[in-house]
N, C-alpha and C. Protein backbone atom coordinates (compact mmCIF):
# COMPACT_ATOMS: atom_id res chain seq x y z
N UNK A 1 -0.80 -2.18 15.73
CA UNK A 1 -1.18 -3.18 16.71
C UNK A 1 -1.39 -2.56 18.09
N UNK A 2 -0.49 -1.67 18.47
CA UNK A 2 -0.62 -1.05 19.80
C UNK A 2 -1.94 -0.31 19.92
N UNK A 3 -2.32 0.42 18.87
CA UNK A 3 -3.57 1.17 18.90
C UNK A 3 -4.76 0.22 19.02
N UNK A 4 -4.70 -0.90 18.31
CA UNK A 4 -5.80 -1.86 18.39
C UNK A 4 -5.88 -2.46 19.79
N UNK A 5 -4.74 -2.76 20.36
CA UNK A 5 -4.74 -3.40 21.69
C UNK A 5 -5.32 -2.50 22.76
N UNK A 6 -5.22 -1.19 22.59
CA UNK A 6 -5.78 -0.30 23.61
C UNK A 6 -7.30 -0.40 23.67
N UNK A 7 -7.94 -0.89 22.59
CA UNK A 7 -9.39 -1.04 22.60
C UNK A 7 -9.83 -2.24 23.43
N UNK A 8 -9.00 -3.26 23.54
CA UNK A 8 -9.37 -4.48 24.25
C UNK A 8 -10.39 -5.33 23.52
N UNK A 9 -10.70 -4.98 22.27
CA UNK A 9 -11.72 -5.70 21.51
C UNK A 9 -11.24 -7.05 21.00
N UNK A 10 -12.18 -7.96 20.88
CA UNK A 10 -11.91 -9.22 20.20
C UNK A 10 -11.92 -8.97 18.70
N UNK A 11 -11.36 -9.88 17.95
CA UNK A 11 -11.33 -9.78 16.50
C UNK A 11 -11.90 -11.07 15.93
N UNK A 12 -12.89 -10.96 15.05
CA UNK A 12 -13.54 -12.14 14.49
C UNK A 12 -12.93 -12.57 13.16
N UNK A 13 -12.57 -11.61 12.31
CA UNK A 13 -12.02 -11.92 10.98
C UNK A 13 -10.84 -11.01 10.72
N UNK A 14 -9.76 -11.60 10.22
CA UNK A 14 -8.59 -10.84 9.79
C UNK A 14 -8.28 -11.24 8.36
N UNK A 15 -8.30 -10.26 7.46
CA UNK A 15 -7.87 -10.48 6.08
C UNK A 15 -6.49 -9.85 5.96
N UNK A 16 -5.51 -10.69 5.79
CA UNK A 16 -4.12 -10.24 5.71
C UNK A 16 -3.75 -10.11 4.24
N UNK A 17 -3.73 -8.87 3.75
CA UNK A 17 -3.54 -8.63 2.33
C UNK A 17 -2.53 -7.52 2.12
N UNK A 18 -1.27 -7.86 2.20
CA UNK A 18 -0.22 -6.90 1.88
C UNK A 18 0.46 -7.41 0.63
N UNK A 19 0.56 -6.57 -0.36
CA UNK A 19 1.21 -7.01 -1.59
C UNK A 19 1.81 -5.85 -2.35
N UNK A 20 3.12 -5.93 -2.57
CA UNK A 20 3.80 -4.96 -3.42
C UNK A 20 4.68 -5.74 -4.38
N UNK A 21 5.13 -5.08 -5.41
CA UNK A 21 6.09 -5.67 -6.34
C UNK A 21 7.08 -4.58 -6.71
N UNK A 22 8.31 -4.76 -6.28
CA UNK A 22 9.34 -3.78 -6.56
C UNK A 22 10.06 -4.14 -7.85
N UNK A 23 10.27 -3.15 -8.70
CA UNK A 23 10.95 -3.40 -9.97
C UNK A 23 12.44 -3.61 -9.83
N UNK A 24 13.01 -3.14 -8.74
CA UNK A 24 14.45 -3.27 -8.51
C UNK A 24 14.68 -3.94 -7.16
N UNK A 25 15.89 -4.42 -6.95
CA UNK A 25 16.27 -4.95 -5.65
C UNK A 25 16.43 -3.77 -4.70
N UNK A 26 15.58 -3.71 -3.70
CA UNK A 26 15.65 -2.65 -2.70
C UNK A 26 15.55 -3.29 -1.33
N UNK A 27 16.20 -2.68 -0.36
CA UNK A 27 16.11 -3.20 1.00
C UNK A 27 15.46 -2.17 1.90
N UNK A 28 14.85 -2.67 2.96
CA UNK A 28 14.23 -1.81 3.96
C UNK A 28 15.28 -1.42 4.99
N UNK A 29 14.87 -0.61 5.95
CA UNK A 29 15.79 -0.23 7.03
C UNK A 29 16.22 -1.44 7.85
N UNK A 30 15.42 -2.50 7.81
CA UNK A 30 15.77 -3.74 8.52
C UNK A 30 16.78 -4.58 7.74
N UNK A 31 17.09 -4.18 6.51
CA UNK A 31 18.05 -4.91 5.70
C UNK A 31 17.45 -6.05 4.88
N UNK A 32 16.12 -6.16 4.86
CA UNK A 32 15.46 -7.21 4.10
C UNK A 32 15.01 -6.68 2.74
N UNK A 33 14.97 -7.56 1.76
CA UNK A 33 14.45 -7.17 0.45
C UNK A 33 13.00 -6.72 0.64
N UNK A 34 12.62 -5.62 0.04
CA UNK A 34 11.36 -4.94 0.34
C UNK A 34 10.12 -5.81 0.03
N UNK A 35 10.13 -6.54 -1.08
CA UNK A 35 8.95 -7.35 -1.41
C UNK A 35 8.73 -8.45 -0.39
N UNK A 36 9.82 -9.11 0.03
CA UNK A 36 9.72 -10.17 1.03
C UNK A 36 9.26 -9.58 2.37
N UNK A 37 9.82 -8.42 2.74
CA UNK A 37 9.45 -7.82 4.03
C UNK A 37 7.98 -7.44 4.08
N UNK A 38 7.50 -6.74 3.05
CA UNK A 38 6.12 -6.27 3.07
C UNK A 38 5.14 -7.43 2.87
N UNK A 39 5.37 -8.25 1.85
CA UNK A 39 4.41 -9.29 1.51
C UNK A 39 4.39 -10.45 2.49
N UNK A 40 5.52 -10.76 3.08
CA UNK A 40 5.55 -11.93 3.97
C UNK A 40 5.84 -11.57 5.43
N UNK A 41 6.97 -10.96 5.70
CA UNK A 41 7.37 -10.72 7.09
C UNK A 41 6.34 -9.84 7.81
N UNK A 42 5.89 -8.78 7.17
CA UNK A 42 4.90 -7.90 7.80
C UNK A 42 3.58 -8.62 8.01
N UNK A 43 3.18 -9.45 7.05
CA UNK A 43 1.95 -10.24 7.20
C UNK A 43 2.04 -11.16 8.41
N UNK A 44 3.17 -11.85 8.53
CA UNK A 44 3.35 -12.77 9.67
C UNK A 44 3.30 -12.00 10.99
N UNK A 45 3.99 -10.87 11.05
CA UNK A 45 3.99 -10.08 12.29
C UNK A 45 2.58 -9.61 12.64
N UNK A 46 1.82 -9.17 11.64
CA UNK A 46 0.46 -8.72 11.89
C UNK A 46 -0.40 -9.86 12.42
N UNK A 47 -0.37 -11.01 11.73
CA UNK A 47 -1.19 -12.15 12.15
C UNK A 47 -0.82 -12.59 13.56
N UNK A 48 0.46 -12.78 13.81
CA UNK A 48 0.88 -13.25 15.14
C UNK A 48 0.56 -12.24 16.22
N UNK A 49 0.67 -10.95 15.89
CA UNK A 49 0.35 -9.92 16.87
C UNK A 49 -1.12 -9.85 17.21
N UNK A 50 -1.98 -10.33 16.31
CA UNK A 50 -3.42 -10.27 16.55
C UNK A 50 -4.03 -11.60 17.01
N UNK A 51 -3.20 -12.62 17.18
CA UNK A 51 -3.71 -13.91 17.66
C UNK A 51 -4.46 -13.77 18.99
N UNK A 52 -3.94 -13.03 19.98
CA UNK A 52 -4.70 -12.93 21.23
C UNK A 52 -6.09 -12.31 21.04
N UNK A 53 -6.22 -11.32 20.16
CA UNK A 53 -7.53 -10.71 19.90
C UNK A 53 -8.45 -11.70 19.19
N UNK A 54 -7.91 -12.47 18.26
CA UNK A 54 -8.70 -13.49 17.57
C UNK A 54 -9.13 -14.58 18.55
N UNK A 55 -8.26 -14.94 19.46
CA UNK A 55 -8.57 -15.99 20.44
C UNK A 55 -9.70 -15.55 21.38
N UNK A 56 -9.93 -14.24 21.51
CA UNK A 56 -11.01 -13.74 22.38
C UNK A 56 -12.38 -13.76 21.70
N UNK A 57 -12.41 -14.04 20.41
CA UNK A 57 -13.67 -14.02 19.66
C UNK A 57 -14.63 -15.09 20.18
N UNK A 58 -15.91 -14.74 20.28
CA UNK A 58 -16.92 -15.73 20.68
C UNK A 58 -17.42 -16.50 19.46
N UNK A 59 -17.04 -16.06 18.28
CA UNK A 59 -17.37 -16.76 17.04
C UNK A 59 -16.22 -17.69 16.69
N UNK A 60 -16.27 -18.29 15.54
CA UNK A 60 -15.13 -19.05 15.02
C UNK A 60 -14.23 -18.05 14.30
N UNK A 61 -13.15 -17.60 14.94
CA UNK A 61 -12.32 -16.57 14.30
C UNK A 61 -11.63 -17.11 13.05
N UNK A 62 -11.47 -16.23 12.06
CA UNK A 62 -10.88 -16.62 10.79
C UNK A 62 -9.79 -15.65 10.37
N UNK A 63 -8.76 -16.24 9.77
CA UNK A 63 -7.70 -15.46 9.13
C UNK A 63 -7.66 -15.88 7.67
N UNK A 64 -7.71 -14.90 6.79
CA UNK A 64 -7.57 -15.17 5.36
C UNK A 64 -6.29 -14.47 4.91
N UNK A 65 -5.33 -15.26 4.45
CA UNK A 65 -4.08 -14.72 3.92
C UNK A 65 -4.25 -14.65 2.41
N UNK A 66 -4.24 -13.44 1.87
CA UNK A 66 -4.44 -13.27 0.43
C UNK A 66 -3.13 -13.60 -0.28
N UNK A 67 -3.23 -14.57 -1.19
CA UNK A 67 -2.04 -15.04 -1.90
C UNK A 67 -2.25 -14.87 -3.40
N UNK A 68 -1.41 -15.48 -4.17
CA UNK A 68 -1.51 -15.40 -5.62
C UNK A 68 -1.11 -16.72 -6.23
N UNK A 69 -1.78 -17.10 -7.30
CA UNK A 69 -1.39 -18.30 -8.03
C UNK A 69 0.03 -18.22 -8.56
N UNK A 70 0.59 -17.02 -8.55
CA UNK A 70 1.98 -16.81 -8.97
C UNK A 70 2.94 -17.61 -8.07
N UNK A 71 2.48 -17.97 -6.88
CA UNK A 71 3.39 -18.72 -5.99
C UNK A 71 3.82 -20.04 -6.62
N UNK A 72 3.01 -20.57 -7.54
CA UNK A 72 3.39 -21.79 -8.24
C UNK A 72 4.60 -21.57 -9.14
N UNK A 73 4.89 -20.32 -9.47
CA UNK A 73 6.00 -20.00 -10.36
C UNK A 73 7.34 -19.87 -9.63
N UNK A 74 7.34 -19.97 -8.32
CA UNK A 74 8.57 -19.67 -7.55
C UNK A 74 9.79 -20.42 -8.08
N UNK A 75 9.68 -21.70 -8.33
CA UNK A 75 10.82 -22.45 -8.87
C UNK A 75 11.07 -22.10 -10.33
N UNK A 76 10.01 -21.90 -11.09
CA UNK A 76 10.15 -21.62 -12.52
C UNK A 76 10.91 -20.33 -12.78
N UNK A 77 10.84 -19.38 -11.84
CA UNK A 77 11.53 -18.10 -12.04
C UNK A 77 12.89 -18.08 -11.36
N UNK A 78 13.43 -19.26 -11.07
CA UNK A 78 14.81 -19.34 -10.61
C UNK A 78 15.00 -19.38 -9.11
N UNK A 79 13.96 -19.61 -8.35
CA UNK A 79 14.11 -19.66 -6.90
C UNK A 79 14.35 -21.10 -6.47
N UNK A 80 15.47 -21.66 -6.87
CA UNK A 80 15.80 -23.04 -6.51
C UNK A 80 16.12 -23.15 -5.02
N UNK A 81 16.75 -22.12 -4.49
CA UNK A 81 17.11 -22.09 -3.08
C UNK A 81 16.05 -21.27 -2.36
N UNK A 82 15.14 -21.94 -1.66
CA UNK A 82 14.03 -21.23 -1.01
C UNK A 82 14.28 -20.97 0.47
N UNK A 83 15.54 -20.93 0.87
CA UNK A 83 15.84 -20.60 2.26
C UNK A 83 15.44 -19.15 2.51
N UNK A 84 14.50 -18.90 3.43
CA UNK A 84 13.94 -17.56 3.56
C UNK A 84 14.96 -16.48 3.90
N UNK A 85 15.97 -16.80 4.67
CA UNK A 85 16.96 -15.77 5.02
C UNK A 85 17.76 -15.37 3.79
N UNK A 86 18.19 -16.34 3.01
CA UNK A 86 18.95 -16.01 1.80
C UNK A 86 18.08 -15.26 0.79
N UNK A 87 16.83 -15.67 0.65
CA UNK A 87 15.93 -14.99 -0.28
C UNK A 87 15.76 -13.52 0.12
N UNK A 88 15.66 -13.26 1.42
CA UNK A 88 15.38 -11.90 1.90
C UNK A 88 16.63 -11.02 2.00
N UNK A 89 17.81 -11.64 2.16
CA UNK A 89 19.00 -10.84 2.44
C UNK A 89 20.02 -10.80 1.31
N UNK A 90 20.10 -11.84 0.52
CA UNK A 90 21.16 -11.92 -0.47
C UNK A 90 20.66 -11.54 -1.85
N UNK A 91 21.25 -10.49 -2.39
CA UNK A 91 20.88 -10.03 -3.73
C UNK A 91 21.39 -11.03 -4.76
N UNK A 92 20.50 -11.57 -5.60
CA UNK A 92 20.95 -12.51 -6.63
C UNK A 92 21.75 -11.79 -7.71
N UNK A 93 22.46 -12.57 -8.53
CA UNK A 93 23.24 -11.97 -9.61
C UNK A 93 22.35 -11.17 -10.56
N UNK A 94 21.19 -11.70 -10.86
CA UNK A 94 20.24 -11.01 -11.74
C UNK A 94 18.91 -10.86 -11.01
N UNK A 95 18.72 -9.75 -10.26
CA UNK A 95 17.46 -9.58 -9.53
C UNK A 95 16.27 -9.63 -10.47
N UNK A 96 15.23 -10.32 -10.03
CA UNK A 96 14.02 -10.49 -10.84
C UNK A 96 12.82 -10.21 -9.94
N UNK A 97 12.08 -9.13 -10.22
CA UNK A 97 10.94 -8.80 -9.36
C UNK A 97 9.88 -9.90 -9.32
N UNK A 98 9.70 -10.62 -10.42
CA UNK A 98 8.73 -11.71 -10.43
C UNK A 98 9.16 -12.82 -9.47
N UNK A 99 10.45 -13.08 -9.40
CA UNK A 99 10.98 -14.09 -8.48
C UNK A 99 10.65 -13.72 -7.05
N UNK A 100 10.94 -12.50 -6.67
CA UNK A 100 10.72 -12.07 -5.29
C UNK A 100 9.23 -12.11 -4.95
N UNK A 101 8.39 -11.66 -5.89
CA UNK A 101 6.96 -11.66 -5.64
C UNK A 101 6.44 -13.09 -5.50
N UNK A 102 6.84 -13.96 -6.44
CA UNK A 102 6.39 -15.36 -6.40
C UNK A 102 6.82 -16.04 -5.11
N UNK A 103 8.05 -15.81 -4.71
CA UNK A 103 8.55 -16.43 -3.47
C UNK A 103 7.82 -15.87 -2.26
N UNK A 104 7.55 -14.57 -2.25
CA UNK A 104 6.84 -13.98 -1.10
C UNK A 104 5.46 -14.61 -0.96
N UNK A 105 4.79 -14.86 -2.08
CA UNK A 105 3.46 -15.47 -2.02
C UNK A 105 3.53 -16.95 -1.67
N UNK A 106 4.59 -17.64 -2.08
CA UNK A 106 4.79 -19.02 -1.65
C UNK A 106 4.99 -19.05 -0.13
N UNK A 107 5.78 -18.14 0.39
CA UNK A 107 5.97 -18.08 1.84
C UNK A 107 4.64 -17.83 2.56
N UNK A 108 3.76 -17.01 1.98
CA UNK A 108 2.44 -16.78 2.57
C UNK A 108 1.64 -18.07 2.67
N UNK A 109 1.63 -18.84 1.58
CA UNK A 109 0.89 -20.11 1.55
C UNK A 109 1.46 -21.06 2.61
N UNK A 110 2.78 -21.16 2.67
CA UNK A 110 3.42 -22.06 3.64
C UNK A 110 3.15 -21.60 5.08
N UNK A 111 3.15 -20.29 5.30
CA UNK A 111 2.86 -19.77 6.64
C UNK A 111 1.45 -20.15 7.08
N UNK A 112 0.47 -19.97 6.19
CA UNK A 112 -0.92 -20.29 6.56
C UNK A 112 -1.05 -21.77 6.92
N UNK A 113 -0.43 -22.64 6.12
CA UNK A 113 -0.51 -24.07 6.40
C UNK A 113 0.17 -24.42 7.73
N UNK A 114 1.31 -23.80 7.99
CA UNK A 114 2.03 -24.10 9.23
C UNK A 114 1.33 -23.49 10.44
N UNK A 115 0.75 -22.31 10.30
CA UNK A 115 -0.01 -21.70 11.38
C UNK A 115 -1.17 -22.61 11.78
N UNK A 116 -1.87 -23.14 10.77
CA UNK A 116 -3.00 -24.05 11.04
C UNK A 116 -2.54 -25.26 11.84
N UNK A 117 -1.36 -25.74 11.55
CA UNK A 117 -0.84 -26.93 12.23
C UNK A 117 -0.39 -26.63 13.67
N UNK A 118 0.16 -25.44 13.89
CA UNK A 118 0.79 -25.15 15.18
C UNK A 118 -0.02 -24.29 16.15
N UNK A 119 -0.98 -23.53 15.66
CA UNK A 119 -1.68 -22.58 16.53
C UNK A 119 -2.42 -23.32 17.65
N UNK A 120 -2.18 -22.94 18.92
CA UNK A 120 -2.84 -23.62 20.03
C UNK A 120 -4.29 -23.19 20.23
N UNK A 121 -4.72 -22.15 19.53
CA UNK A 121 -6.08 -21.63 19.67
C UNK A 121 -6.96 -22.15 18.54
N UNK A 122 -8.27 -22.20 18.72
CA UNK A 122 -9.17 -22.64 17.64
C UNK A 122 -9.42 -21.52 16.63
N UNK A 123 -8.36 -21.14 15.95
CA UNK A 123 -8.44 -20.07 14.95
C UNK A 123 -8.30 -20.71 13.58
N UNK A 124 -9.26 -20.46 12.71
CA UNK A 124 -9.27 -21.00 11.36
C UNK A 124 -8.45 -20.09 10.46
N UNK A 125 -7.63 -20.66 9.58
CA UNK A 125 -6.81 -19.87 8.65
C UNK A 125 -6.79 -20.55 7.30
N UNK A 126 -6.69 -19.77 6.25
CA UNK A 126 -6.51 -20.32 4.90
C UNK A 126 -5.76 -19.32 4.04
N UNK A 127 -5.29 -19.82 2.90
CA UNK A 127 -4.76 -18.98 1.84
C UNK A 127 -5.87 -18.81 0.81
N UNK A 128 -6.11 -17.60 0.37
CA UNK A 128 -7.15 -17.35 -0.64
C UNK A 128 -6.52 -16.64 -1.83
N UNK A 129 -6.66 -17.26 -2.99
CA UNK A 129 -6.14 -16.70 -4.24
C UNK A 129 -7.29 -16.09 -5.02
N UNK A 130 -7.32 -14.76 -5.18
CA UNK A 130 -8.42 -14.13 -5.90
C UNK A 130 -8.37 -14.34 -7.41
N UNK A 131 -7.30 -14.95 -7.90
CA UNK A 131 -7.17 -15.16 -9.33
C UNK A 131 -6.61 -13.94 -10.03
N UNK A 132 -6.48 -14.00 -11.35
CA UNK A 132 -5.91 -12.87 -12.09
C UNK A 132 -6.85 -11.68 -12.07
N UNK A 133 -6.48 -10.70 -11.28
CA UNK A 133 -7.36 -9.56 -11.01
C UNK A 133 -6.68 -8.26 -11.39
N UNK A 134 -7.41 -7.36 -12.00
CA UNK A 134 -6.88 -6.05 -12.35
C UNK A 134 -6.54 -5.30 -11.06
N UNK A 135 -5.32 -4.81 -10.97
CA UNK A 135 -4.92 -4.02 -9.80
C UNK A 135 -3.78 -3.09 -10.19
N UNK A 136 -3.36 -2.32 -9.26
CA UNK A 136 -2.23 -1.41 -9.48
C UNK A 136 -0.92 -2.00 -8.97
N UNK A 137 -0.92 -3.30 -8.68
CA UNK A 137 0.28 -3.95 -8.17
C UNK A 137 1.46 -3.72 -9.11
N UNK A 138 2.51 -3.19 -8.59
CA UNK A 138 3.72 -2.98 -9.37
C UNK A 138 3.74 -1.72 -10.21
N UNK A 139 2.65 -0.92 -10.19
CA UNK A 139 2.61 0.29 -11.02
C UNK A 139 3.51 1.39 -10.47
N UNK A 140 3.75 1.35 -9.14
CA UNK A 140 4.61 2.36 -8.52
C UNK A 140 5.67 1.68 -7.69
N UNK A 141 6.84 2.32 -7.63
CA UNK A 141 7.91 1.82 -6.79
C UNK A 141 7.46 1.93 -5.33
N UNK A 142 7.55 0.84 -4.56
CA UNK A 142 7.04 0.86 -3.19
C UNK A 142 7.81 1.77 -2.24
N UNK A 143 9.03 2.12 -2.58
CA UNK A 143 9.84 2.99 -1.71
C UNK A 143 9.66 4.45 -2.11
N UNK A 144 9.85 4.75 -3.40
CA UNK A 144 9.83 6.14 -3.84
C UNK A 144 8.45 6.63 -4.27
N UNK A 145 7.57 5.71 -4.67
CA UNK A 145 6.26 6.10 -5.17
C UNK A 145 6.26 6.49 -6.64
N UNK A 146 7.42 6.42 -7.29
CA UNK A 146 7.51 6.76 -8.70
C UNK A 146 6.94 5.64 -9.57
N UNK A 147 6.43 6.01 -10.74
CA UNK A 147 5.92 5.01 -11.67
C UNK A 147 7.05 4.09 -12.11
N UNK A 148 6.73 2.83 -12.31
CA UNK A 148 7.73 1.87 -12.78
C UNK A 148 7.09 0.94 -13.80
N UNK A 149 7.91 0.18 -14.48
CA UNK A 149 7.40 -0.80 -15.43
C UNK A 149 6.57 -1.83 -14.68
N UNK A 150 5.43 -2.26 -15.22
CA UNK A 150 4.65 -3.29 -14.54
C UNK A 150 5.44 -4.59 -14.45
N UNK A 151 5.17 -5.35 -13.39
CA UNK A 151 5.86 -6.61 -13.16
C UNK A 151 5.65 -7.55 -14.33
N UNK A 152 4.43 -7.61 -14.81
CA UNK A 152 4.10 -8.43 -15.97
C UNK A 152 3.54 -7.53 -17.06
N UNK A 153 4.12 -7.56 -18.24
CA UNK A 153 3.51 -6.78 -19.32
C UNK A 153 2.19 -7.41 -19.72
N UNK A 154 1.32 -6.66 -20.41
CA UNK A 154 0.06 -7.25 -20.87
C UNK A 154 0.32 -8.49 -21.73
N UNK A 155 -0.43 -9.54 -21.49
CA UNK A 155 -0.28 -10.79 -22.24
C UNK A 155 -1.54 -10.97 -23.07
N UNK A 156 -1.40 -11.00 -24.41
CA UNK A 156 -2.59 -11.17 -25.26
C UNK A 156 -3.36 -12.45 -24.89
N UNK A 157 -4.65 -12.31 -24.76
CA UNK A 157 -5.49 -13.46 -24.45
C UNK A 157 -5.58 -13.80 -22.97
N UNK A 158 -4.78 -13.14 -22.14
CA UNK A 158 -4.81 -13.41 -20.70
C UNK A 158 -5.94 -12.60 -20.08
N UNK A 159 -6.91 -13.28 -19.50
CA UNK A 159 -8.12 -12.62 -19.01
C UNK A 159 -7.96 -12.30 -17.53
N UNK A 160 -8.17 -11.04 -17.21
CA UNK A 160 -8.19 -10.63 -15.81
C UNK A 160 -9.61 -10.21 -15.47
N UNK A 161 -9.87 -10.19 -14.16
CA UNK A 161 -11.20 -9.83 -13.68
C UNK A 161 -11.14 -8.50 -12.95
N UNK A 162 -12.26 -7.80 -12.86
CA UNK A 162 -12.27 -6.57 -12.05
C UNK A 162 -11.96 -6.89 -10.59
N UNK A 163 -11.48 -5.92 -9.88
CA UNK A 163 -11.12 -6.10 -8.47
C UNK A 163 -12.29 -6.64 -7.66
N UNK A 164 -13.49 -6.13 -7.90
CA UNK A 164 -14.66 -6.59 -7.14
C UNK A 164 -14.91 -8.09 -7.33
N UNK A 165 -14.63 -8.60 -8.54
CA UNK A 165 -14.79 -10.04 -8.79
C UNK A 165 -13.73 -10.82 -8.02
N UNK A 166 -12.50 -10.32 -8.04
CA UNK A 166 -11.43 -11.00 -7.31
C UNK A 166 -11.69 -11.03 -5.82
N UNK A 167 -12.35 -10.00 -5.32
CA UNK A 167 -12.63 -9.93 -3.88
C UNK A 167 -13.62 -11.00 -3.43
N UNK A 168 -14.41 -11.55 -4.36
CA UNK A 168 -15.41 -12.54 -3.97
C UNK A 168 -14.80 -13.78 -3.32
N UNK A 169 -13.66 -14.23 -3.81
CA UNK A 169 -12.98 -15.38 -3.21
C UNK A 169 -12.58 -15.07 -1.77
N UNK A 170 -12.07 -13.88 -1.56
CA UNK A 170 -11.62 -13.47 -0.23
C UNK A 170 -12.82 -13.37 0.72
N UNK A 171 -13.88 -12.73 0.27
CA UNK A 171 -15.08 -12.58 1.12
C UNK A 171 -15.69 -13.94 1.42
N UNK A 172 -15.74 -14.80 0.43
CA UNK A 172 -16.31 -16.13 0.62
C UNK A 172 -15.52 -16.92 1.67
N UNK A 173 -14.20 -16.93 1.55
CA UNK A 173 -13.41 -17.70 2.52
C UNK A 173 -13.48 -17.07 3.92
N UNK A 174 -13.68 -15.79 3.99
CA UNK A 174 -13.75 -15.11 5.29
C UNK A 174 -15.09 -15.31 5.99
N UNK A 175 -16.15 -15.60 5.21
CA UNK A 175 -17.48 -15.59 5.82
C UNK A 175 -18.32 -16.84 5.63
N UNK A 176 -17.99 -17.69 4.69
CA UNK A 176 -18.88 -18.81 4.38
C UNK A 176 -18.87 -19.88 5.47
N UNK A 177 -20.06 -20.29 5.92
CA UNK A 177 -20.14 -21.39 6.90
C UNK A 177 -19.83 -22.74 6.25
N UNK A 178 -19.77 -22.78 4.91
CA UNK A 178 -19.48 -24.03 4.21
C UNK A 178 -18.01 -24.44 4.33
N UNK A 179 -17.17 -23.48 4.61
CA UNK A 179 -15.74 -23.77 4.73
C UNK A 179 -15.42 -24.00 6.19
N UNK A 180 -15.04 -25.23 6.52
CA UNK A 180 -14.82 -25.58 7.93
C UNK A 180 -13.39 -26.06 8.22
N UNK A 181 -12.68 -26.51 7.19
CA UNK A 181 -11.33 -27.01 7.41
C UNK A 181 -10.34 -25.86 7.40
N UNK A 182 -9.31 -25.96 8.21
CA UNK A 182 -8.31 -24.91 8.31
C UNK A 182 -7.04 -25.33 7.57
N UNK A 183 -6.28 -24.32 7.15
CA UNK A 183 -4.98 -24.57 6.56
C UNK A 183 -4.94 -24.76 5.07
N UNK A 184 -6.08 -24.68 4.39
CA UNK A 184 -6.11 -24.97 2.96
C UNK A 184 -5.80 -23.77 2.08
N UNK A 185 -5.66 -24.08 0.80
CA UNK A 185 -5.47 -23.09 -0.24
C UNK A 185 -6.74 -23.07 -1.07
N UNK A 186 -7.38 -21.91 -1.15
CA UNK A 186 -8.65 -21.79 -1.86
C UNK A 186 -8.49 -20.84 -3.04
N UNK A 187 -9.10 -21.23 -4.15
CA UNK A 187 -9.04 -20.42 -5.35
C UNK A 187 -10.36 -20.60 -6.10
N UNK A 188 -10.77 -19.58 -6.80
CA UNK A 188 -12.00 -19.74 -7.57
C UNK A 188 -12.43 -18.44 -8.20
N UNK A 189 -13.18 -18.56 -9.28
CA UNK A 189 -13.64 -17.36 -9.97
C UNK A 189 -14.74 -16.66 -9.19
N UNK A 190 -15.65 -17.39 -8.59
CA UNK A 190 -16.70 -16.77 -7.81
C UNK A 190 -16.78 -17.40 -6.43
N UNK A 191 -16.96 -18.69 -6.40
CA UNK A 191 -17.03 -19.38 -5.12
C UNK A 191 -15.74 -20.15 -4.95
N UNK A 192 -15.06 -19.89 -3.89
CA UNK A 192 -13.76 -20.51 -3.69
C UNK A 192 -13.89 -22.01 -3.61
N UNK A 193 -12.92 -22.71 -4.13
CA UNK A 193 -12.88 -24.15 -3.97
C UNK A 193 -11.53 -24.50 -3.37
N UNK A 194 -11.56 -25.52 -2.52
CA UNK A 194 -10.32 -25.94 -1.89
C UNK A 194 -9.45 -26.64 -2.92
N UNK A 195 -8.20 -26.21 -3.00
CA UNK A 195 -7.27 -26.77 -3.97
C UNK A 195 -6.36 -27.80 -3.29
N UNK A 196 -5.86 -27.45 -2.10
CA UNK A 196 -4.93 -28.34 -1.42
C UNK A 196 -4.85 -27.99 0.03
N UNK A 197 -4.11 -28.81 0.78
CA UNK A 197 -3.84 -28.52 2.19
C UNK A 197 -2.46 -27.99 2.32
């Protein structure tokens, strides 16, 4: 952020896409669980730190927070208590990487909706779900870089798309003049469709 601020440039589009999946319960130097810190806390800090640059845009500035449909699983994977401090600081009896990832993406969706409601600047924001996309998410431990078991094993019959296909939803929400409402959740195979507010 400091390096960007030295340029004094306005920012027209911000795609906030941080995503890791840790196979074990690990904490950062800040004491937060690593998946929550990288996927949610760092995203929030980046977005909030760049609000002044977005507010300087002469266009309609946009923020796209890249999320995952996995956020719908947050309760199903045992996250009954969604208090963010407890989720980030307290190690559960049985750590589950899917739980942490799902909750981090739910927090992303909630952040985008709340930012849309509270931001005093005319900055458009949405959550964009690229759908089930082939990626290296979870292939390496985010702290050590060592190979680890994938978060989800291959599921017979489960269709994933190439990364370039998944990117279409993100590009569409970042650039399409057809999308005018802020705060929504968009998902789609090619052209994003609004799912909810």
